[in-house]
Each structure stands twice: as structure tokens, then as C-alpha cells.
Amino acid sequence: MIEKHIINDTDIWVRINPHPVERDNAHIIPNEYFTAIYYRQDPVDASAIGVLMKNEEGQVALFESPVAALAYAVKTLQNII
């Protein structure tokens, strides 16, 4: 899923990707997380470079829903764009 947002008068695209988790027991949930990548130009353009969102510890930020990933990305980008 890709959404275009205007943050601080700048066009930003946010891509939400599924991130499957392999567990020894398939009944342990969640078995899938989501990550967010942002782009400063339309990612349809092959030259677009995305930046993977990270948490406060510098690790890849994982979310239990695409909505949570998108909300985190937009909130974080408002502070850095």
C-alpha cells in the first residue's frame, strides 16, 4: 500500500509493507508485522529512494497493523520534514 501525504508543504509517499514472522508455533500471534518506508518522490519512478522507518533505538519499526505503521510514519515525518 502506498499513500501520498503533504507534510509541511512537501509531497511525501509512504509505503506500508507486510513483514511476515516465522515462528516455531504457527498459532502464536502476531504472525505478521508491518513496516513503513517513505519517499520524497513518487516511488513509481525507478530512481526514487526510500527510507525505512526506524524506532527510537535505531531498529526497524514493526507494527501490528498497517494503520499503526502509517500513523507512526506520518507523525514522525511531521517532526523531520
PDB file of N, CA and C in Angstrom:
ATOM      1  N   MET A   1       0.849  -1.164   0.000  1.00  0.00           N
ATOM      2  CA  MET A   1       0.000   0.000   0.000  1.00  0.00           C
ATOM      3  C   MET A   1       0.897   1.230   0.000  1.00  0.00           C
ATOM      4  N   ILE A   2       0.602   2.186  -0.863  1.00  0.00           N
ATOM      5  CA  ILE A   2       1.338   3.448  -0.921  1.00  0.00           C
ATOM      6  C   ILE A   2       0.324   4.581  -0.804  1.00  0.00           C
ATOM      7  N   GLU A   3       0.624   5.545   0.056  1.00  0.00           N
ATOM      8  CA  GLU A   3      -0.220   6.731   0.200  1.00  0.00           C
ATOM      9  C   GLU A   3       0.634   7.978   0.063  1.00  0.00           C
ATOM     10  N   LYS A   4       0.082   8.972  -0.620  1.00  0.00           N
ATOM     11  CA  LYS A   4       0.750  10.262  -0.757  1.00  0.00           C
ATOM     12  C   LYS A   4       0.208  11.191   0.324  1.00  0.00           C
ATOM     13  N   HIS A   5       1.126  11.903   0.985  1.00  0.00           N
ATOM     14  CA  HIS A   5       0.758  12.873   2.013  1.00  0.00           C
ATOM     15  C   HIS A   5       1.503  14.168   1.738  1.00  0.00           C
ATOM     16  N   ILE A   6       0.923  15.253   2.173  1.00  0.00           N
ATOM     17  CA  ILE A   6       1.612  16.537   2.135  1.00  0.00           C
ATOM     18  C   ILE A   6       1.949  16.869   3.575  1.00  0.00           C
ATOM     19  N   ILE A   7       3.240  16.882   3.864  1.00  0.00           N
ATOM     20  CA  ILE A   7       3.713  17.142   5.222  1.00  0.00           C
ATOM     21  C   ILE A   7       4.600  18.367   5.172  1.00  0.00           C
ATOM     22  N   ASN A   8       4.200  19.382   5.916  1.00  0.00           N
ATOM     23  CA  ASN A   8       4.941  20.656   5.933  1.00  0.00           C
ATOM     24  C   ASN A   8       5.218  21.153   4.510  1.00  0.00           C
ATOM     25  N   ASP A   9       4.167  21.158   3.686  1.00  0.00           N
ATOM     26  CA  ASP A   9       4.211  21.627   2.293  1.00  0.00           C
ATOM     27  C   ASP A   9       5.133  20.805   1.394  1.00  0.00           C
ATOM     28  N   THR A  10       5.407  19.562   1.767  1.00  0.00           N
ATOM     29  CA  THR A  10       6.260  18.677   0.975  1.00  0.00           C
ATOM     30  C   THR A  10       5.489  17.411   0.641  1.00  0.00           C
ATOM     31  N   ASP A  11       5.537  17.014  -0.637  1.00  0.00           N
ATOM     32  CA  ASP A  11       4.917  15.748  -1.039  1.00  0.00           C
ATOM     33  C   ASP A  11       5.765  14.594  -0.526  1.00  0.00           C
ATOM     34  N   ILE A  12       5.126  13.685   0.193  1.00  0.00           N
ATOM     35  CA  ILE A  12       5.789  12.506   0.740  1.00  0.00           C
ATOM     36  C   ILE A  12       4.927  11.292   0.429  1.00  0.00           C
ATOM     37  N   TRP A  13       5.558  10.201   0.021  1.00  0.00           N
ATOM     38  CA  TRP A  13       4.859   8.955  -0.212  1.00  0.00           C
ATOM     39  C   TRP A  13       5.277   7.977   0.871  1.00  0.00           C
ATOM     40  N   VAL A  14       4.311   7.281   1.430  1.00  0.00           N
ATOM     41  CA  VAL A  14       4.586   6.286   2.466  1.00  0.00           C
ATOM     42  C   VAL A  14       4.107   4.935   1.957  1.00  0.00           C
ATOM     43  N   ARG A  15       5.014   3.976   1.973  1.00  0.00           N
ATOM     44  CA  ARG A  15       4.690   2.611   1.556  1.00  0.00           C
ATOM     45  C   ARG A  15       4.652   1.743   2.813  1.00  0.00           C
ATOM     46  N   ILE A  16       3.576   0.996   2.965  1.00  0.00           N
ATOM     47  CA  ILE A  16       3.436   0.057   4.071  1.00  0.00           C
ATOM     48  C   ILE A  16       3.612  -1.346   3.492  1.00  0.00           C
ATOM     49  N   ASN A  17       4.551  -2.090   4.049  1.00  0.00           N
ATOM     50  CA  ASN A  17       4.847  -3.447   3.577  1.00  0.00           C
ATOM     51  C   ASN A  17       4.574  -4.467   4.674  1.00  0.00           C
ATOM     52  N   PRO A  18       4.060  -5.637   4.309  1.00  0.00           N
ATOM     53  CA  PRO A  18       3.932  -6.715   5.295  1.00  0.00           C
ATOM     54  C   PRO A  18       5.314  -7.276   5.611  1.00  0.00           C
ATOM     55  N   HIS A  19       5.482  -7.699   6.833  1.00  0.00           N
ATOM     56  CA  HIS A  19       6.745  -8.279   7.289  1.00  0.00           C
ATOM     57  C   HIS A  19       6.413  -9.570   8.035  1.00  0.00           C
ATOM     58  N   PRO A  20       6.353 -10.701   7.316  1.00  0.00           N
ATOM     59  CA  PRO A  20       5.992 -11.974   7.956  1.00  0.00           C
ATOM     60  C   PRO A  20       7.010 -12.375   9.022  1.00  0.00           C
ATOM     61  N   VAL A  21       6.505 -13.047  10.046  1.00  0.00           N
ATOM     62  CA  VAL A  21       7.358 -13.547  11.117  1.00  0.00           C
ATOM     63  C   VAL A  21       7.209 -15.058  11.156  1.00  0.00           C
ATOM     64  N   GLU A  22       8.327 -15.740  11.055  1.00  0.00           N
ATOM     65  CA  GLU A  22       8.288 -17.199  11.136  1.00  0.00           C
ATOM     66  C   GLU A  22       8.461 -17.597  12.594  1.00  0.00           C
ATOM     67  N   ARG A  23       7.512 -18.350  13.089  1.00  0.00           N
ATOM     68  CA  ARG A  23       7.549 -18.802  14.471  1.00  0.00           C
ATOM     69  C   ARG A  23       7.539 -20.331  14.496  1.00  0.00           C
ATOM     70  N   ASP A  24       8.080 -20.904  15.576  1.00  0.00           N
ATOM     71  CA  ASP A  24       8.068 -22.357  15.725  1.00  0.00           C
ATOM     72  C   ASP A  24       6.643 -22.879  15.812  1.00  0.00           C
ATOM     73  N   ASN A  25       5.780 -22.100  16.451  1.00  0.00           N
ATOM     74  CA  ASN A  25       4.372 -22.471  16.597  1.00  0.00           C
ATOM     75  C   ASN A  25       3.546 -21.479  15.774  1.00  0.00           C
ATOM     76  N   ALA A  26       2.887 -21.946  14.741  1.00  0.00           N
ATOM     77  CA  ALA A  26       2.122 -21.071  13.837  1.00  0.00           C
ATOM     78  C   ALA A  26       0.922 -20.419  14.514  1.00  0.00           C
ATOM     79  N   HIS A  27       0.563 -20.881  15.710  1.00  0.00           N
ATOM     80  CA  HIS A  27      -0.596 -20.325  16.408  1.00  0.00           C
ATOM     81  C   HIS A  27      -0.234 -19.126  17.279  1.00  0.00           C
ATOM     82  N   ILE A  28       1.044 -18.787  17.375  1.00  0.00           N
ATOM     83  CA  ILE A  28       1.462 -17.609  18.135  1.00  0.00           C
ATOM     84  C   ILE A  28       1.232 -16.391  17.253  1.00  0.00           C
ATOM     85  N   ILE A  29       0.528 -15.423  17.808  1.00  0.00           N
ATOM     86  CA  ILE A  29       0.257 -14.199  17.053  1.00  0.00           C
ATOM     87  C   ILE A  29       0.993 -13.034  17.702  1.00  0.00           C
ATOM     88  N   PRO A  30       1.313 -11.984  16.969  1.00  0.00           N
ATOM     89  CA  PRO A  30       1.049 -11.860  15.533  1.00  0.00           C
ATOM     90  C   PRO A  30       2.042 -12.673  14.726  1.00  0.00           C
ATOM     91  N   ASN A  31       1.598 -13.107  13.580  1.00  0.00           N
ATOM     92  CA  ASN A  31       2.490 -13.819  12.670  1.00  0.00           C
ATOM     93  C   ASN A  31       2.895 -12.942  11.494  1.00  0.00           C
ATOM     94  N   GLU A  32       2.492 -11.678  11.572  1.00  0.00           N
ATOM     95  CA  GLU A  32       2.853 -10.710  10.544  1.00  0.00           C
ATOM     96  C   GLU A  32       2.897  -9.328  11.177  1.00  0.00           C
ATOM     97  N   TYR A  33       3.932  -8.588  10.857  1.00  0.00           N
ATOM     98  CA  TYR A  33       4.051  -7.191  11.254  1.00  0.00           C
ATOM     99  C   TYR A  33       4.045  -6.352   9.981  1.00  0.00           C
ATOM    100  N   PHE A  34       4.139  -5.045  10.154  1.00  0.00           N
ATOM    101  CA  PHE A  34       4.175  -4.133   9.020  1.00  0.00           C
ATOM    102  C   PHE A  34       5.292  -3.131   9.228  1.00  0.00           C
ATOM    103  N   THR A  35       5.920  -2.727   8.125  1.00  0.00           N
ATOM    104  CA  THR A  35       6.964  -1.712   8.156  1.00  0.00           C
ATOM    105  C   THR A  35       6.534  -0.542   7.282  1.00  0.00           C
ATOM    106  N   ALA A  36       7.182   0.595   7.491  1.00  0.00           N
ATOM    107  CA  ALA A  36       6.876   1.800   6.708  1.00  0.00           C
ATOM    108  C   ALA A  36       8.162   2.323   6.070  1.00  0.00           C
ATOM    109  N   ILE A  37       8.045   2.705   4.820  1.00  0.00           N
ATOM    110  CA  ILE A  37       9.142   3.314   4.068  1.00  0.00           C
ATOM    111  C   ILE A  37       8.605   4.619   3.502  1.00  0.00           C
ATOM    112  N   TYR A  38       9.403   5.700   3.599  1.00  0.00           N
ATOM    113  CA  TYR A  38       8.938   6.951   2.997  1.00  0.00           C
ATOM    114  C   TYR A  38       9.853   7.378   1.859  1.00  0.00           C
ATOM    115  N   TYR A  39       9.242   8.091   0.924  1.00  0.00           N
ATOM    116  CA  TYR A  39       9.920   8.568  -0.280  1.00  0.00           C
ATOM    117  C   TYR A  39       9.658  10.058  -0.437  1.00  0.00           C
ATOM    118  N   ARG A  40      10.639  10.768  -0.943  1.00  0.00           N
ATOM    119  CA  ARG A  40      10.468  12.200  -1.229  1.00  0.00           C
ATOM    120  C   ARG A  40      10.033  12.443  -2.673  1.00  0.00           C
ATOM    121  N   GLN A  41      10.024  11.386  -3.488  1.00  0.00           N
ATOM    122  CA  GLN A  41       9.473  11.477  -4.837  1.00  0.00           C
ATOM    123  C   GLN A  41       8.647  10.228  -5.086  1.00  0.00           C
ATOM    124  N   ASP A  42       7.763  10.302  -6.054  1.00  0.00           N
ATOM    125  CA  ASP A  42       6.837   9.213  -6.329  1.00  0.00           C
ATOM    126  C   ASP A  42       7.607   7.909  -6.526  1.00  0.00           C
ATOM    127  N   PRO A  43       7.305   6.872  -5.719  1.00  0.00           N
ATOM    128  CA  PRO A  43       8.046   5.616  -5.840  1.00  0.00           C
ATOM    129  C   PRO A  43       7.802   4.862  -7.143  1.00  0.00           C
ATOM    130  N   VAL A  44       6.870   5.316  -7.956  1.00  0.00           N
ATOM    131  CA  VAL A  44       6.681   4.723  -9.282  1.00  0.00           C
ATOM    132  C   VAL A  44       7.928   4.996 -10.126  1.00  0.00           C
ATOM    133  N   ASP A  45       8.595   6.119  -9.862  1.00  0.00           N
ATOM    134  CA  ASP A  45       9.840   6.477 -10.543  1.00  0.00           C
ATOM    135  C   ASP A  45      10.943   5.533 -10.058  1.00  0.00           C
ATOM    136  N   ALA A  46      11.603   4.876 -10.964  1.00  0.00           N
ATOM    137  CA  ALA A  46      12.632   3.885 -10.602  1.00  0.00           C
ATOM    138  C   ALA A  46      13.789   4.494  -9.823  1.00  0.00           C
ATOM    139  N   SER A  47      13.999   5.805  -9.942  1.00  0.00           N
ATOM    140  CA  SER A  47      15.110   6.434  -9.234  1.00  0.00           C
ATOM    141  C   SER A  47      14.740   6.862  -7.808  1.00  0.00           C
ATOM    142  N   ALA A  48      13.497   6.656  -7.408  1.00  0.00           N
ATOM    143  CA  ALA A  48      13.063   7.043  -6.059  1.00  0.00           C
ATOM    144  C   ALA A  48      13.776   6.179  -5.023  1.00  0.00           C
ATOM    145  N   ILE A  49      14.266   6.831  -3.995  1.00  0.00           N
ATOM    146  CA  ILE A  49      14.970   6.134  -2.923  1.00  0.00           C
ATOM    147  C   ILE A  49      14.125   6.228  -1.666  1.00  0.00           C
ATOM    148  N   GLY A  50      13.810   5.075  -1.094  1.00  0.00           N
ATOM    149  CA  GLY A  50      13.001   5.036   0.114  1.00  0.00           C
ATOM    150  C   GLY A  50      13.852   4.951   1.363  1.00  0.00           C
ATOM    151  N   VAL A  51      13.278   5.428   2.460  1.00  0.00           N
ATOM    152  CA  VAL A  51      13.946   5.370   3.758  1.00  0.00           C
ATOM    153  C   VAL A  51      13.063   4.551   4.691  1.00  0.00           C
ATOM    154  N   LEU A  52      13.609   3.468   5.194  1.00  0.00           N
ATOM    155  CA  LEU A  52      12.896   2.590   6.112  1.00  0.00           C
ATOM    156  C   LEU A  52      12.779   3.279   7.469  1.00  0.00           C
ATOM    157  N   MET A  53      11.561   3.323   8.003  1.00  0.00           N
ATOM    158  CA  MET A  53      11.331   3.972   9.297  1.00  0.00           C
ATOM    159  C   MET A  53      11.920   3.104  10.407  1.00  0.00           C
ATOM    160  N   LYS A  54      12.582   3.762  11.357  1.00  0.00           N
ATOM    161  CA  LYS A  54      13.184   3.062  12.494  1.00  0.00           C
ATOM    162  C   LYS A  54      12.609   3.614  13.787  1.00  0.00           C
ATOM    163  N   ASN A  55      12.723   2.837  14.843  1.00  0.00           N
ATOM    164  CA  ASN A  55      12.216   3.280  16.140  1.00  0.00           C
ATOM    165  C   ASN A  55      13.300   4.073  16.877  1.00  0.00           C
ATOM    166  N   GLU A  56      13.016   4.434  18.119  1.00  0.00           N
ATOM    167  CA  GLU A  56      13.927   5.264  18.899  1.00  0.00           C
ATOM    168  C   GLU A  56      15.272   4.582  19.158  1.00  0.00           C
ATOM    169  N   GLU A  57      15.289   3.251  19.135  1.00  0.00           N
ATOM    170  CA  GLU A  57      16.527   2.505  19.370  1.00  0.00           C
ATOM    171  C   GLU A  57      17.317   2.272  18.081  1.00  0.00           C
ATOM    172  N   GLY A  58      16.815   2.768  16.960  1.00  0.00           N
ATOM    173  CA  GLY A  58      17.502   2.596  15.688  1.00  0.00           C
ATOM    174  C   GLY A  58      17.208   1.277  14.998  1.00  0.00           C
ATOM    175  N   GLN A  59      16.263   0.518  15.521  1.00  0.00           N
ATOM    176  CA  GLN A  59      15.861  -0.748  14.919  1.00  0.00           C
ATOM    177  C   GLN A  59      14.702  -0.509  13.951  1.00  0.00           C
ATOM    178  N   VAL A  60      14.515  -1.420  13.020  1.00  0.00           N
ATOM    179  CA  VAL A  60      13.377  -1.315  12.103  1.00  0.00           C
ATOM    180  C   VAL A  60      12.098  -1.273  12.928  1.00  0.00           C
ATOM    181  N   ALA A  61      11.263  -0.284  12.676  1.00  0.00           N
ATOM    182  CA  ALA A  61       9.998  -0.146  13.403  1.00  0.00           C
ATOM    183  C   ALA A  61       8.991  -1.145  12.847  1.00  0.00           C
ATOM    184  N   LEU A  62       8.483  -2.023  13.724  1.00  0.00           N
ATOM    185  CA  LEU A  62       7.500  -3.035  13.342  1.00  0.00           C
ATOM    186  C   LEU A  62       6.170  -2.706  14.001  1.00  0.00           C
ATOM    187  N   PHE A  63       5.086  -2.882  13.246  1.00  0.00           N
ATOM    188  CA  PHE A  63       3.753  -2.530  13.722  1.00  0.00           C
ATOM    189  C   PHE A  63       2.807  -3.695  13.515  1.00  0.00           C
ATOM    190  N   GLU A  64       1.808  -3.789  14.381  1.00  0.00           N
ATOM    191  CA  GLU A  64       0.858  -4.890  14.301  1.00  0.00           C
ATOM    192  C   GLU A  64      -0.248  -4.641  13.291  1.00  0.00           C
ATOM    193  N   SER A  65      -0.344  -3.427  12.755  1.00  0.00           N
ATOM    194  CA  SER A  65      -1.354  -3.145  11.735  1.00  0.00           C
ATOM    195  C   SER A  65      -0.815  -2.113  10.752  1.00  0.00           C
ATOM    196  N   PRO A  66      -1.338  -2.108   9.529  1.00  0.00           N
ATOM    197  CA  PRO A  66      -0.916  -1.091   8.569  1.00  0.00           C
ATOM    198  C   PRO A  66      -1.314   0.311   9.019  1.00  0.00           C
ATOM    199  N   VAL A  67      -2.434   0.423   9.726  1.00  0.00           N
ATOM    200  CA  VAL A  67      -2.887   1.729  10.218  1.00  0.00           C
ATOM    201  C   VAL A  67      -1.888   2.279  11.235  1.00  0.00           C
ATOM    202  N   ALA A  68      -1.410   1.430  12.128  1.00  0.00           N
ATOM    203  CA  ALA A  68      -0.432   1.866  13.130  1.00  0.00           C
ATOM    204  C   ALA A  68       0.876   2.282  12.450  1.00  0.00           C
ATOM    205  N   ALA A  69       1.302   1.548  11.435  1.00  0.00           N
ATOM    206  CA  ALA A  69       2.526   1.889  10.710  1.00  0.00           C
ATOM    207  C   ALA A  69       2.389   3.239  10.019  1.00  0.00           C
ATOM    208  N   LEU A  70       1.266   3.474   9.368  1.00  0.00           N
ATOM    209  CA  LEU A  70       1.045   4.735   8.673  1.00  0.00           C
ATOM    210  C   LEU A  70       0.963   5.899   9.654  1.00  0.00           C
ATOM    211  N   ALA A  71       0.263   5.710  10.758  1.00  0.00           N
ATOM    212  CA  ALA A  71       0.143   6.773  11.767  1.00  0.00           C
ATOM    213  C   ALA A  71       1.517   7.140  12.327  1.00  0.00           C
ATOM    214  N   TYR A  72       2.343   6.151  12.626  1.00  0.00           N
ATOM    215  CA  TYR A  72       3.690   6.399  13.140  1.00  0.00           C
ATOM    216  C   TYR A  72       4.516   7.159  12.111  1.00  0.00           C
ATOM    217  N   ALA A  73       4.453   6.723  10.859  1.00  0.00           N
ATOM    218  CA  ALA A  73       5.242   7.362   9.805  1.00  0.00           C
ATOM    219  C   ALA A  73       4.862   8.826   9.650  1.00  0.00           C
ATOM    220  N   VAL A  74       3.569   9.108   9.566  1.00  0.00           N
ATOM    221  CA  VAL A  74       3.119  10.494   9.369  1.00  0.00           C
ATOM    222  C   VAL A  74       3.518  11.354  10.578  1.00  0.00           C
ATOM    223  N   LYS A  75       3.301  10.854  11.770  1.00  0.00           N
ATOM    224  CA  LYS A  75       3.654  11.615  12.982  1.00  0.00           C
ATOM    225  C   LYS A  75       5.164  11.883  13.044  1.00  0.00           C
ATOM    226  N   THR A  76       5.956  10.870  12.754  1.00  0.00           N
ATOM    227  CA  THR A  76       7.412  11.020  12.794  1.00  0.00           C
ATOM    228  C   THR A  76       7.887  11.980  11.711  1.00  0.00           C
ATOM    229  N   LEU A  77       7.324  11.845  10.506  1.00  0.00           N
ATOM    230  CA  LEU A  77       7.743  12.712   9.407  1.00  0.00           C
ATOM    231  C   LEU A  77       7.395  14.174   9.632  1.00  0.00           C
ATOM    232  N   GLN A  78       6.342  14.441  10.382  1.00  0.00           N
ATOM    233  CA  GLN A  78       5.997  15.836  10.686  1.00  0.00           C
ATOM    234  C   GLN A  78       7.100  16.515  11.474  1.00  0.00           C
ATOM    235  N   ASN A  79       7.879  15.734  12.210  1.00  0.00           N
ATOM    236  CA  ASN A  79       8.974  16.298  13.001  1.00  0.00           C
ATOM    237  C   ASN A  79      10.300  16.377  12.254  1.00  0.00           C
ATOM    238  N   ILE A  80      10.437  15.617  11.153  1.00  0.00           N
ATOM    239  CA  ILE A  80      11.740  15.613  10.465  1.00  0.00           C
ATOM    240  C   ILE A  80      11.719  16.236   9.074  1.00  0.00           C
ATOM    241  N   ILE A  81      10.545  16.511   8.538  1.00  0.00           N
ATOM    242  CA  ILE A  81      10.463  17.111   7.200  1.00  0.00           C
ATOM    243  C   ILE A  81      10.349  18.625   7.359  1.00  0.00           C
TER     244      ILE A  81
END
